Amino acid sequence: MTKREVRAVAMALLAPESADIVYDIGAGTGSVSVELANLARRGRVFAVERLPAACELIYKNRDRFGVYNLNVVPGSAPDVLAALPPPARAFIGGSGGDIGGIIAALVGKNPAVRIVAAAICLETVGEVMDAFKAENLVNIDVVQVAASRGQRVGGKHLIRAENPIFLLAAGGPGDA
């Protein structure tokens, strides 16, 4: 699950508007999808996920949080993206190893799409940057989020670090 601190920064970078069509690719548990559905209340959110068990969890979270503008799309990106309406915004939480193909498909559907991709590995940061450049995306922004949380141990509170994560954002021409 994407940690709440990372979700907060991702939402700020993505800046979805209330009527936007938004994709959450590699949606996992749907934590980002639920956040997006709350922000794009009059729009639609498409949670793309290839693992059936994860899709079931997204359905449960959709119902739990009452965000019925959230649509679960079983399958792998970029393959399943062709059947979806063009996105204004897209979050990539997982790519299944085809980040370049996913970014190319997003830009192909909407050249002005705003994309935010999460990366844990340095190699993925490079792959995302290469894909952004290959698609002539602009306003590239890279943020590293390193959060720590207090945890009660005995009678004291210790600070435990979460794994740092990179968020890379870019958009097509006309992206503000």
N, C-alpha and C. Protein backbone atom coordinates (compact mmCIF):
# COMPACT_ATOMS: atom_id res chain seq x y z
N MET A 1 0.84 -1.18 0.00
CA MET A 1 0.00 0.00 0.00
C MET A 1 0.89 1.24 0.00
N THR A 2 0.53 2.20 -0.83
CA THR A 2 1.27 3.46 -0.88
C THR A 2 1.01 4.22 0.42
N LYS A 3 2.07 4.58 1.11
CA LYS A 3 1.97 5.26 2.40
C LYS A 3 1.29 6.62 2.25
N ARG A 4 0.60 7.04 3.30
CA ARG A 4 -0.20 8.28 3.22
C ARG A 4 0.64 9.50 2.90
N GLU A 5 1.87 9.56 3.38
CA GLU A 5 2.74 10.70 3.09
C GLU A 5 3.08 10.76 1.60
N VAL A 6 3.30 9.59 1.02
CA VAL A 6 3.60 9.51 -0.42
C VAL A 6 2.36 9.86 -1.22
N ARG A 7 1.20 9.38 -0.79
CA ARG A 7 -0.05 9.71 -1.48
C ARG A 7 -0.29 11.22 -1.46
N ALA A 8 -0.02 11.86 -0.35
CA ALA A 8 -0.25 13.31 -0.25
C ALA A 8 0.61 14.07 -1.25
N VAL A 9 1.88 13.71 -1.34
CA VAL A 9 2.77 14.38 -2.28
C VAL A 9 2.37 14.04 -3.72
N ALA A 10 2.01 12.80 -3.96
CA ALA A 10 1.59 12.39 -5.31
C ALA A 10 0.35 13.16 -5.75
N MET A 11 -0.61 13.35 -4.85
CA MET A 11 -1.83 14.09 -5.20
C MET A 11 -1.48 15.55 -5.50
N ALA A 12 -0.55 16.12 -4.74
CA ALA A 12 -0.15 17.51 -4.99
C ALA A 12 0.52 17.64 -6.37
N LEU A 13 1.36 16.67 -6.72
CA LEU A 13 2.02 16.71 -8.03
C LEU A 13 1.05 16.44 -9.18
N LEU A 14 0.10 15.56 -8.95
CA LEU A 14 -0.85 15.19 -10.00
C LEU A 14 -1.92 16.27 -10.19
N ALA A 15 -2.35 16.88 -9.09
CA ALA A 15 -3.34 17.98 -9.11
C ALA A 15 -4.59 17.65 -9.92
N PRO A 16 -5.28 16.55 -9.59
CA PRO A 16 -6.50 16.23 -10.34
C PRO A 16 -7.60 17.24 -10.05
N GLU A 17 -8.40 17.52 -11.08
CA GLU A 17 -9.54 18.41 -10.93
C GLU A 17 -10.80 17.58 -10.79
N SER A 18 -11.87 18.19 -10.31
CA SER A 18 -13.05 17.43 -9.91
C SER A 18 -13.72 16.64 -11.03
N ALA A 19 -13.59 17.07 -12.27
CA ALA A 19 -14.25 16.36 -13.38
C ALA A 19 -13.27 15.56 -14.24
N ASP A 20 -12.04 15.39 -13.78
CA ASP A 20 -11.02 14.69 -14.57
C ASP A 20 -11.26 13.20 -14.72
N ILE A 21 -10.76 12.67 -15.82
CA ILE A 21 -10.60 11.22 -15.98
C ILE A 21 -9.16 10.92 -15.59
N VAL A 22 -9.01 10.00 -14.63
CA VAL A 22 -7.70 9.72 -14.05
C VAL A 22 -7.45 8.22 -14.05
N TYR A 23 -6.23 7.82 -14.37
CA TYR A 23 -5.83 6.42 -14.29
C TYR A 23 -4.92 6.23 -13.08
N ASP A 24 -5.08 5.09 -12.42
CA ASP A 24 -4.12 4.61 -11.42
C ASP A 24 -3.62 3.28 -11.95
N ILE A 25 -2.42 3.28 -12.48
CA ILE A 25 -1.87 2.08 -13.14
C ILE A 25 -0.97 1.35 -12.15
N GLY A 26 -1.21 0.04 -12.02
CA GLY A 26 -0.53 -0.74 -10.99
C GLY A 26 -1.15 -0.38 -9.65
N ALA A 27 -2.48 -0.43 -9.59
CA ALA A 27 -3.25 0.14 -8.48
C ALA A 27 -3.09 -0.60 -7.16
N GLY A 28 -2.64 -1.85 -7.17
CA GLY A 28 -2.39 -2.57 -5.92
C GLY A 28 -3.61 -2.67 -5.03
N THR A 29 -3.57 -2.06 -3.85
CA THR A 29 -4.69 -2.11 -2.90
C THR A 29 -5.78 -1.10 -3.24
N GLY A 30 -5.44 -0.14 -4.09
CA GLY A 30 -6.40 0.90 -4.43
C GLY A 30 -6.33 2.13 -3.53
N SER A 31 -5.30 2.24 -2.70
CA SER A 31 -5.21 3.39 -1.81
C SER A 31 -5.11 4.70 -2.59
N VAL A 32 -4.31 4.72 -3.65
CA VAL A 32 -4.21 5.91 -4.49
C VAL A 32 -5.51 6.11 -5.26
N SER A 33 -6.10 5.04 -5.75
CA SER A 33 -7.36 5.13 -6.49
C SER A 33 -8.46 5.78 -5.66
N VAL A 34 -8.56 5.40 -4.40
CA VAL A 34 -9.58 5.96 -3.52
C VAL A 34 -9.33 7.45 -3.32
N GLU A 35 -8.08 7.84 -3.09
CA GLU A 35 -7.74 9.27 -2.95
C GLU A 35 -8.13 10.02 -4.21
N LEU A 36 -7.78 9.47 -5.37
CA LEU A 36 -8.09 10.12 -6.64
C LEU A 36 -9.60 10.23 -6.84
N ALA A 37 -10.34 9.19 -6.49
CA ALA A 37 -11.80 9.21 -6.66
C ALA A 37 -12.44 10.27 -5.77
N ASN A 38 -11.88 10.51 -4.60
CA ASN A 38 -12.39 11.57 -3.73
C ASN A 38 -12.10 12.95 -4.31
N LEU A 39 -10.96 13.11 -4.96
CA LEU A 39 -10.60 14.41 -5.54
C LEU A 39 -11.30 14.67 -6.86
N ALA A 40 -11.50 13.63 -7.65
CA ALA A 40 -12.16 13.76 -8.96
C ALA A 40 -13.60 13.26 -8.84
N ARG A 41 -14.35 13.82 -7.91
CA ARG A 41 -15.71 13.37 -7.58
C ARG A 41 -16.67 13.35 -8.77
N ARG A 42 -16.54 14.32 -9.65
CA ARG A 42 -17.43 14.39 -10.81
C ARG A 42 -16.82 13.70 -12.03
N GLY A 43 -15.60 13.22 -11.88
CA GLY A 43 -14.91 12.53 -12.97
C GLY A 43 -14.97 11.03 -12.78
N ARG A 44 -14.03 10.36 -13.41
CA ARG A 44 -13.94 8.91 -13.27
C ARG A 44 -12.49 8.51 -13.06
N VAL A 45 -12.31 7.51 -12.22
CA VAL A 45 -10.97 6.97 -11.94
C VAL A 45 -10.96 5.53 -12.39
N PHE A 46 -9.91 5.16 -13.14
CA PHE A 46 -9.76 3.80 -13.62
C PHE A 46 -8.54 3.19 -12.94
N ALA A 47 -8.78 2.19 -12.08
CA ALA A 47 -7.72 1.49 -11.37
C ALA A 47 -7.32 0.27 -12.19
N VAL A 48 -6.15 0.34 -12.81
CA VAL A 48 -5.66 -0.75 -13.67
C VAL A 48 -4.77 -1.65 -12.81
N GLU A 49 -5.13 -2.93 -12.75
CA GLU A 49 -4.38 -3.87 -11.92
C GLU A 49 -4.40 -5.25 -12.56
N ARG A 50 -3.24 -5.90 -12.62
CA ARG A 50 -3.14 -7.19 -13.29
C ARG A 50 -3.38 -8.39 -12.37
N LEU A 51 -3.28 -8.21 -11.06
CA LEU A 51 -3.44 -9.32 -10.12
C LEU A 51 -4.89 -9.44 -9.65
N PRO A 52 -5.54 -10.58 -9.89
CA PRO A 52 -6.95 -10.74 -9.51
C PRO A 52 -7.22 -10.49 -8.02
N ALA A 53 -6.36 -10.96 -7.14
CA ALA A 53 -6.58 -10.74 -5.70
C ALA A 53 -6.54 -9.26 -5.36
N ALA A 54 -5.66 -8.51 -6.02
CA ALA A 54 -5.58 -7.07 -5.79
C ALA A 54 -6.84 -6.38 -6.33
N CYS A 55 -7.36 -6.84 -7.46
CA CYS A 55 -8.59 -6.27 -8.01
C CYS A 55 -9.74 -6.43 -7.02
N GLU A 56 -9.83 -7.59 -6.40
CA GLU A 56 -10.88 -7.83 -5.40
C GLU A 56 -10.73 -6.87 -4.23
N LEU A 57 -9.51 -6.62 -3.81
CA LEU A 57 -9.26 -5.68 -2.72
C LEU A 57 -9.66 -4.26 -3.11
N ILE A 58 -9.40 -3.88 -4.35
CA ILE A 58 -9.81 -2.55 -4.81
C ILE A 58 -11.34 -2.42 -4.79
N TYR A 59 -12.05 -3.47 -5.23
CA TYR A 59 -13.52 -3.44 -5.17
C TYR A 59 -13.98 -3.25 -3.73
N LYS A 60 -13.37 -3.96 -2.80
CA LYS A 60 -13.75 -3.83 -1.38
C LYS A 60 -13.47 -2.43 -0.87
N ASN A 61 -12.34 -1.86 -1.22
CA ASN A 61 -12.01 -0.51 -0.77
C ASN A 61 -12.92 0.53 -1.43
N ARG A 62 -13.30 0.30 -2.68
CA ARG A 62 -14.25 1.20 -3.34
C ARG A 62 -15.56 1.24 -2.55
N ASP A 63 -16.06 0.05 -2.18
CA ASP A 63 -17.31 -0.03 -1.44
C ASP A 63 -17.15 0.53 -0.03
N ARG A 64 -16.05 0.21 0.61
CA ARG A 64 -15.79 0.67 1.99
C ARG A 64 -15.80 2.20 2.07
N PHE A 65 -15.20 2.86 1.07
CA PHE A 65 -15.08 4.31 1.09
C PHE A 65 -16.14 5.02 0.24
N GLY A 66 -17.03 4.24 -0.40
CA GLY A 66 -18.15 4.82 -1.12
C GLY A 66 -17.76 5.69 -2.30
N VAL A 67 -16.73 5.29 -3.01
CA VAL A 67 -16.26 6.06 -4.17
C VAL A 67 -16.63 5.29 -5.44
N TYR A 68 -17.87 5.49 -5.88
CA TYR A 68 -18.39 4.70 -6.99
C TYR A 68 -18.07 5.28 -8.36
N ASN A 69 -17.26 6.33 -8.37
CA ASN A 69 -16.69 6.81 -9.63
C ASN A 69 -15.36 6.11 -9.91
N LEU A 70 -15.03 5.12 -9.08
CA LEU A 70 -13.82 4.31 -9.22
C LEU A 70 -14.17 3.03 -9.97
N ASN A 71 -13.52 2.82 -11.11
CA ASN A 71 -13.75 1.65 -11.95
C ASN A 71 -12.52 0.77 -11.93
N VAL A 72 -12.69 -0.50 -11.64
CA VAL A 72 -11.58 -1.45 -11.62
C VAL A 72 -11.41 -2.02 -13.02
N VAL A 73 -10.16 -1.99 -13.51
CA VAL A 73 -9.85 -2.49 -14.85
C VAL A 73 -8.83 -3.62 -14.69
N PRO A 74 -9.28 -4.88 -14.72
CA PRO A 74 -8.35 -5.99 -14.61
C PRO A 74 -7.50 -6.12 -15.88
N GLY A 75 -6.22 -6.36 -15.69
CA GLY A 75 -5.35 -6.55 -16.84
C GLY A 75 -4.07 -5.75 -16.71
N SER A 76 -3.22 -5.92 -17.71
CA SER A 76 -1.91 -5.28 -17.70
C SER A 76 -1.89 -4.06 -18.61
N ALA A 77 -1.22 -3.03 -18.10
CA ALA A 77 -0.96 -1.85 -18.93
C ALA A 77 0.34 -2.10 -19.67
N PRO A 78 0.46 -1.63 -20.87
CA PRO A 78 -0.43 -0.71 -21.56
C PRO A 78 -1.59 -1.36 -22.31
N ASP A 79 -1.65 -2.70 -22.33
CA ASP A 79 -2.63 -3.41 -23.16
C ASP A 79 -4.07 -2.95 -22.93
N VAL A 80 -4.50 -2.83 -21.66
CA VAL A 80 -5.91 -2.53 -21.38
C VAL A 80 -6.26 -1.06 -21.51
N LEU A 81 -5.27 -0.20 -21.72
CA LEU A 81 -5.53 1.23 -21.79
C LEU A 81 -6.29 1.63 -23.06
N ALA A 82 -6.15 0.86 -24.12
CA ALA A 82 -6.78 1.21 -25.40
C ALA A 82 -8.29 1.37 -25.28
N ALA A 83 -8.93 0.58 -24.41
CA ALA A 83 -10.39 0.60 -24.29
C ALA A 83 -10.90 1.72 -23.38
N LEU A 84 -10.01 2.46 -22.72
CA LEU A 84 -10.41 3.48 -21.76
C LEU A 84 -10.47 4.86 -22.41
N PRO A 85 -11.27 5.77 -21.84
CA PRO A 85 -11.28 7.14 -22.37
C PRO A 85 -9.95 7.83 -22.08
N PRO A 86 -9.60 8.85 -22.84
CA PRO A 86 -8.32 9.54 -22.63
C PRO A 86 -8.23 10.16 -21.24
N PRO A 87 -7.09 10.00 -20.57
CA PRO A 87 -6.95 10.55 -19.22
C PRO A 87 -6.44 12.00 -19.24
N ALA A 88 -6.86 12.76 -18.25
CA ALA A 88 -6.27 14.07 -18.00
C ALA A 88 -5.04 13.92 -17.11
N ARG A 89 -5.10 12.91 -16.22
CA ARG A 89 -4.04 12.65 -15.24
C ARG A 89 -3.83 11.13 -15.16
N ALA A 90 -2.60 10.74 -14.82
CA ALA A 90 -2.32 9.31 -14.63
C ALA A 90 -1.24 9.15 -13.56
N PHE A 91 -1.49 8.23 -12.64
CA PHE A 91 -0.50 7.84 -11.64
C PHE A 91 -0.03 6.44 -11.98
N ILE A 92 1.28 6.25 -11.99
CA ILE A 92 1.84 4.92 -12.25
C ILE A 92 2.52 4.44 -10.97
N GLY A 93 1.88 3.50 -10.30
CA GLY A 93 2.42 2.94 -9.06
C GLY A 93 3.19 1.66 -9.31
N GLY A 94 2.88 1.01 -10.41
CA GLY A 94 3.56 -0.21 -10.82
C GLY A 94 3.45 -0.35 -12.32
N SER A 95 4.50 -0.88 -12.93
CA SER A 95 4.52 -0.92 -14.40
C SER A 95 4.66 -2.32 -14.98
N GLY A 96 4.93 -3.30 -14.14
CA GLY A 96 5.15 -4.64 -14.68
C GLY A 96 6.34 -4.70 -15.62
N GLY A 97 7.26 -3.75 -15.48
CA GLY A 97 8.47 -3.75 -16.30
C GLY A 97 8.35 -3.04 -17.64
N ASP A 98 7.20 -2.38 -17.89
CA ASP A 98 7.03 -1.71 -19.19
C ASP A 98 6.69 -0.24 -19.01
N ILE A 99 7.48 0.48 -18.24
CA ILE A 99 7.20 1.88 -17.96
C ILE A 99 7.21 2.72 -19.24
N GLY A 100 8.15 2.43 -20.15
CA GLY A 100 8.20 3.17 -21.41
C GLY A 100 6.96 2.97 -22.25
N GLY A 101 6.49 1.75 -22.34
CA GLY A 101 5.28 1.45 -23.11
C GLY A 101 4.04 2.09 -22.51
N ILE A 102 3.98 2.12 -21.18
CA ILE A 102 2.84 2.73 -20.51
C ILE A 102 2.82 4.24 -20.75
N ILE A 103 3.96 4.89 -20.57
CA ILE A 103 4.03 6.34 -20.77
C ILE A 103 3.73 6.69 -22.23
N ALA A 104 4.24 5.91 -23.18
CA ALA A 104 3.94 6.15 -24.60
C ALA A 104 2.45 6.00 -24.87
N ALA A 105 1.81 5.00 -24.27
CA ALA A 105 0.37 4.79 -24.47
C ALA A 105 -0.43 5.94 -23.88
N LEU A 106 -0.03 6.43 -22.71
CA LEU A 106 -0.73 7.56 -22.09
C LEU A 106 -0.65 8.80 -22.96
N VAL A 107 0.54 9.11 -23.45
CA VAL A 107 0.73 10.28 -24.30
C VAL A 107 -0.01 10.09 -25.62
N GLY A 108 -0.06 8.85 -26.13
CA GLY A 108 -0.81 8.57 -27.34
C GLY A 108 -2.30 8.83 -27.19
N LYS A 109 -2.83 8.61 -26.00
CA LYS A 109 -4.25 8.85 -25.75
C LYS A 109 -4.56 10.32 -25.50
N ASN A 110 -3.58 11.03 -24.89
CA ASN A 110 -3.75 12.46 -24.62
C ASN A 110 -2.36 13.09 -24.54
N PRO A 111 -1.93 13.80 -25.56
CA PRO A 111 -0.60 14.40 -25.56
C PRO A 111 -0.36 15.40 -24.43
N ALA A 112 -1.43 15.91 -23.81
CA ALA A 112 -1.30 16.87 -22.71
C ALA A 112 -1.47 16.23 -21.34
N VAL A 113 -1.48 14.90 -21.26
CA VAL A 113 -1.70 14.20 -19.99
C VAL A 113 -0.64 14.59 -18.96
N ARG A 114 -1.04 14.70 -17.71
CA ARG A 114 -0.13 14.92 -16.58
C ARG A 114 0.11 13.55 -15.97
N ILE A 115 1.38 13.16 -15.83
CA ILE A 115 1.76 11.84 -15.33
C ILE A 115 2.61 11.99 -14.07
N VAL A 116 2.32 11.17 -13.07
CA VAL A 116 3.19 11.03 -11.90
C VAL A 116 3.50 9.55 -11.76
N ALA A 117 4.78 9.23 -11.72
CA ALA A 117 5.22 7.83 -11.58
C ALA A 117 5.99 7.67 -10.29
N ALA A 118 5.74 6.59 -9.58
CA ALA A 118 6.46 6.26 -8.35
C ALA A 118 7.59 5.30 -8.68
N ALA A 119 8.74 5.52 -8.05
CA ALA A 119 9.90 4.65 -8.28
C ALA A 119 10.61 4.40 -6.95
N ILE A 120 10.87 3.14 -6.68
CA ILE A 120 11.62 2.77 -5.48
C ILE A 120 13.09 2.58 -5.84
N CYS A 121 13.35 2.03 -7.01
CA CYS A 121 14.72 1.73 -7.45
C CYS A 121 15.28 2.87 -8.29
N LEU A 122 16.58 3.11 -8.16
CA LEU A 122 17.24 4.15 -8.95
C LEU A 122 17.14 3.86 -10.44
N GLU A 123 17.21 2.58 -10.81
CA GLU A 123 17.11 2.22 -12.23
C GLU A 123 15.76 2.64 -12.80
N THR A 124 14.71 2.53 -11.99
CA THR A 124 13.38 2.93 -12.45
C THR A 124 13.31 4.43 -12.66
N VAL A 125 13.99 5.19 -11.80
CA VAL A 125 14.04 6.65 -11.98
C VAL A 125 14.61 6.96 -13.37
N GLY A 126 15.69 6.30 -13.73
CA GLY A 126 16.30 6.51 -15.05
C GLY A 126 15.37 6.12 -16.18
N GLU A 127 14.66 5.00 -16.01
CA GLU A 127 13.73 4.54 -17.05
C GLU A 127 12.59 5.53 -17.24
N VAL A 128 12.07 6.05 -16.13
CA VAL A 128 10.98 7.03 -16.23
C VAL A 128 11.48 8.30 -16.90
N MET A 129 12.64 8.79 -16.49
CA MET A 129 13.19 10.00 -17.10
C MET A 129 13.40 9.81 -18.60
N ASP A 130 13.94 8.66 -18.99
CA ASP A 130 14.14 8.37 -20.42
C ASP A 130 12.81 8.37 -21.16
N ALA A 131 11.78 7.77 -20.56
CA ALA A 131 10.46 7.71 -21.20
C ALA A 131 9.85 9.10 -21.31
N PHE A 132 9.99 9.91 -20.26
CA PHE A 132 9.48 11.28 -20.31
C PHE A 132 10.14 12.04 -21.46
N LYS A 133 11.45 11.91 -21.57
CA LYS A 133 12.18 12.62 -22.62
C LYS A 133 11.81 12.09 -24.01
N ALA A 134 11.65 10.78 -24.13
CA ALA A 134 11.29 10.18 -25.42
C ALA A 134 9.93 10.66 -25.91
N GLU A 135 9.05 10.96 -24.97
CA GLU A 135 7.70 11.43 -25.34
C GLU A 135 7.59 12.95 -25.35
N ASN A 136 8.74 13.62 -25.21
CA ASN A 136 8.79 15.09 -25.23
C ASN A 136 7.92 15.74 -24.16
N LEU A 137 7.87 15.11 -22.99
CA LEU A 137 7.10 15.69 -21.89
C LEU A 137 7.88 16.86 -21.29
N VAL A 138 7.15 17.79 -20.70
CA VAL A 138 7.75 19.01 -20.16
C VAL A 138 7.44 19.14 -18.67
N ASN A 139 8.01 20.18 -18.08
CA ASN A 139 7.79 20.45 -16.66
C ASN A 139 8.12 19.23 -15.80
N ILE A 140 9.23 18.60 -16.09
CA ILE A 140 9.63 17.41 -15.34
C ILE A 140 10.04 17.81 -13.93
N ASP A 141 9.50 17.10 -12.97
CA ASP A 141 9.77 17.35 -11.56
C ASP A 141 10.09 16.02 -10.90
N VAL A 142 11.12 16.01 -10.07
CA VAL A 142 11.49 14.81 -9.33
C VAL A 142 11.51 15.15 -7.85
N VAL A 143 10.78 14.36 -7.06
CA VAL A 143 10.71 14.56 -5.62
C VAL A 143 11.02 13.24 -4.94
N GLN A 144 11.87 13.29 -3.93
CA GLN A 144 12.09 12.10 -3.11
C GLN A 144 11.37 12.31 -1.80
N VAL A 145 10.55 11.33 -1.43
CA VAL A 145 9.80 11.40 -0.19
C VAL A 145 10.42 10.38 0.77
N ALA A 146 10.88 10.88 1.91
CA ALA A 146 11.47 10.02 2.94
C ALA A 146 10.76 10.35 4.25
N ALA A 147 9.80 9.54 4.62
CA ALA A 147 9.02 9.78 5.83
C ALA A 147 9.47 8.85 6.94
N SER A 148 9.32 9.32 8.16
CA SER A 148 9.57 8.50 9.35
C SER A 148 8.36 8.62 10.24
N ARG A 149 8.08 7.55 10.97
CA ARG A 149 6.90 7.53 11.85
C ARG A 149 7.30 7.12 13.25
N GLY A 150 6.60 7.71 14.20
CA GLY A 150 6.82 7.32 15.59
C GLY A 150 6.15 6.00 15.89
N GLN A 151 6.84 5.17 16.67
CA GLN A 151 6.30 3.88 17.05
C GLN A 151 6.57 3.67 18.54
N ARG A 152 5.55 3.28 19.27
CA ARG A 152 5.70 3.06 20.71
C ARG A 152 6.43 1.75 20.94
N VAL A 153 7.51 1.83 21.69
CA VAL A 153 8.30 0.66 22.06
C VAL A 153 8.54 0.76 23.56
N GLY A 154 7.93 -0.16 24.30
CA GLY A 154 8.01 -0.05 25.75
C GLY A 154 7.27 1.20 26.18
N GLY A 155 7.89 2.02 26.98
CA GLY A 155 7.28 3.27 27.42
C GLY A 155 7.75 4.47 26.63
N LYS A 156 8.46 4.25 25.55
CA LYS A 156 9.04 5.35 24.75
C LYS A 156 8.50 5.31 23.32
N HIS A 157 8.80 6.39 22.60
CA HIS A 157 8.47 6.46 21.18
C HIS A 157 9.74 6.55 20.38
N LEU A 158 9.91 5.64 19.44
CA LEU A 158 11.05 5.65 18.54
C LEU A 158 10.58 6.09 17.16
N ILE A 159 11.47 6.70 16.43
CA ILE A 159 11.17 7.08 15.06
C ILE A 159 11.74 6.01 14.14
N ARG A 160 10.86 5.46 13.29
CA ARG A 160 11.27 4.42 12.34
C ARG A 160 11.08 4.95 10.92
N ALA A 161 12.12 4.83 10.13
CA ALA A 161 12.08 5.33 8.75
C ALA A 161 11.32 4.37 7.85
N GLU A 162 10.53 4.95 6.96
CA GLU A 162 9.90 4.21 5.88
C GLU A 162 10.88 4.21 4.71
N ASN A 163 10.71 3.31 3.77
CA ASN A 163 11.57 3.31 2.59
C ASN A 163 11.35 4.60 1.80
N PRO A 164 12.42 5.25 1.36
CA PRO A 164 12.24 6.45 0.54
C PRO A 164 11.69 6.05 -0.83
N ILE A 165 11.00 6.99 -1.45
CA ILE A 165 10.43 6.74 -2.76
C ILE A 165 10.58 8.01 -3.61
N PHE A 166 10.78 7.83 -4.89
CA PHE A 166 10.87 8.94 -5.82
C PHE A 166 9.52 9.08 -6.52
N LEU A 167 9.08 10.31 -6.67
CA LEU A 167 7.90 10.62 -7.48
C LEU A 167 8.37 11.51 -8.61
N LEU A 168 8.12 11.08 -9.83
CA LEU A 168 8.52 11.83 -11.03
C LEU A 168 7.26 12.29 -11.74
N ALA A 169 7.19 13.57 -12.02
CA ALA A 169 6.02 14.16 -12.63
C ALA A 169 6.39 14.86 -13.93
N ALA A 170 5.50 14.83 -14.89
CA ALA A 170 5.70 15.53 -16.17
C ALA A 170 4.36 15.63 -16.88
N GLY A 171 4.31 16.51 -17.87
CA GLY A 171 3.10 16.65 -18.65
C GLY A 171 3.44 16.98 -20.09
N GLY A 172 2.42 16.89 -20.91
CA GLY A 172 2.60 17.25 -22.30
C GLY A 172 2.55 18.75 -22.48
N PRO A 173 2.76 19.22 -23.68
CA PRO A 173 2.67 20.66 -23.94
C PRO A 173 1.31 21.19 -23.46
N GLY A 174 1.37 22.33 -22.79
CA GLY A 174 0.14 22.90 -22.24
C GLY A 174 -0.10 22.51 -20.80
N ASP A 175 0.71 21.59 -20.26
CA ASP A 175 0.60 21.21 -18.86
C ASP A 175 1.10 22.39 -18.02
N ALA A 176 0.28 22.79 -17.05
CA ALA A 176 0.67 23.96 -16.23
C ALA A 176 1.61 23.57 -15.13
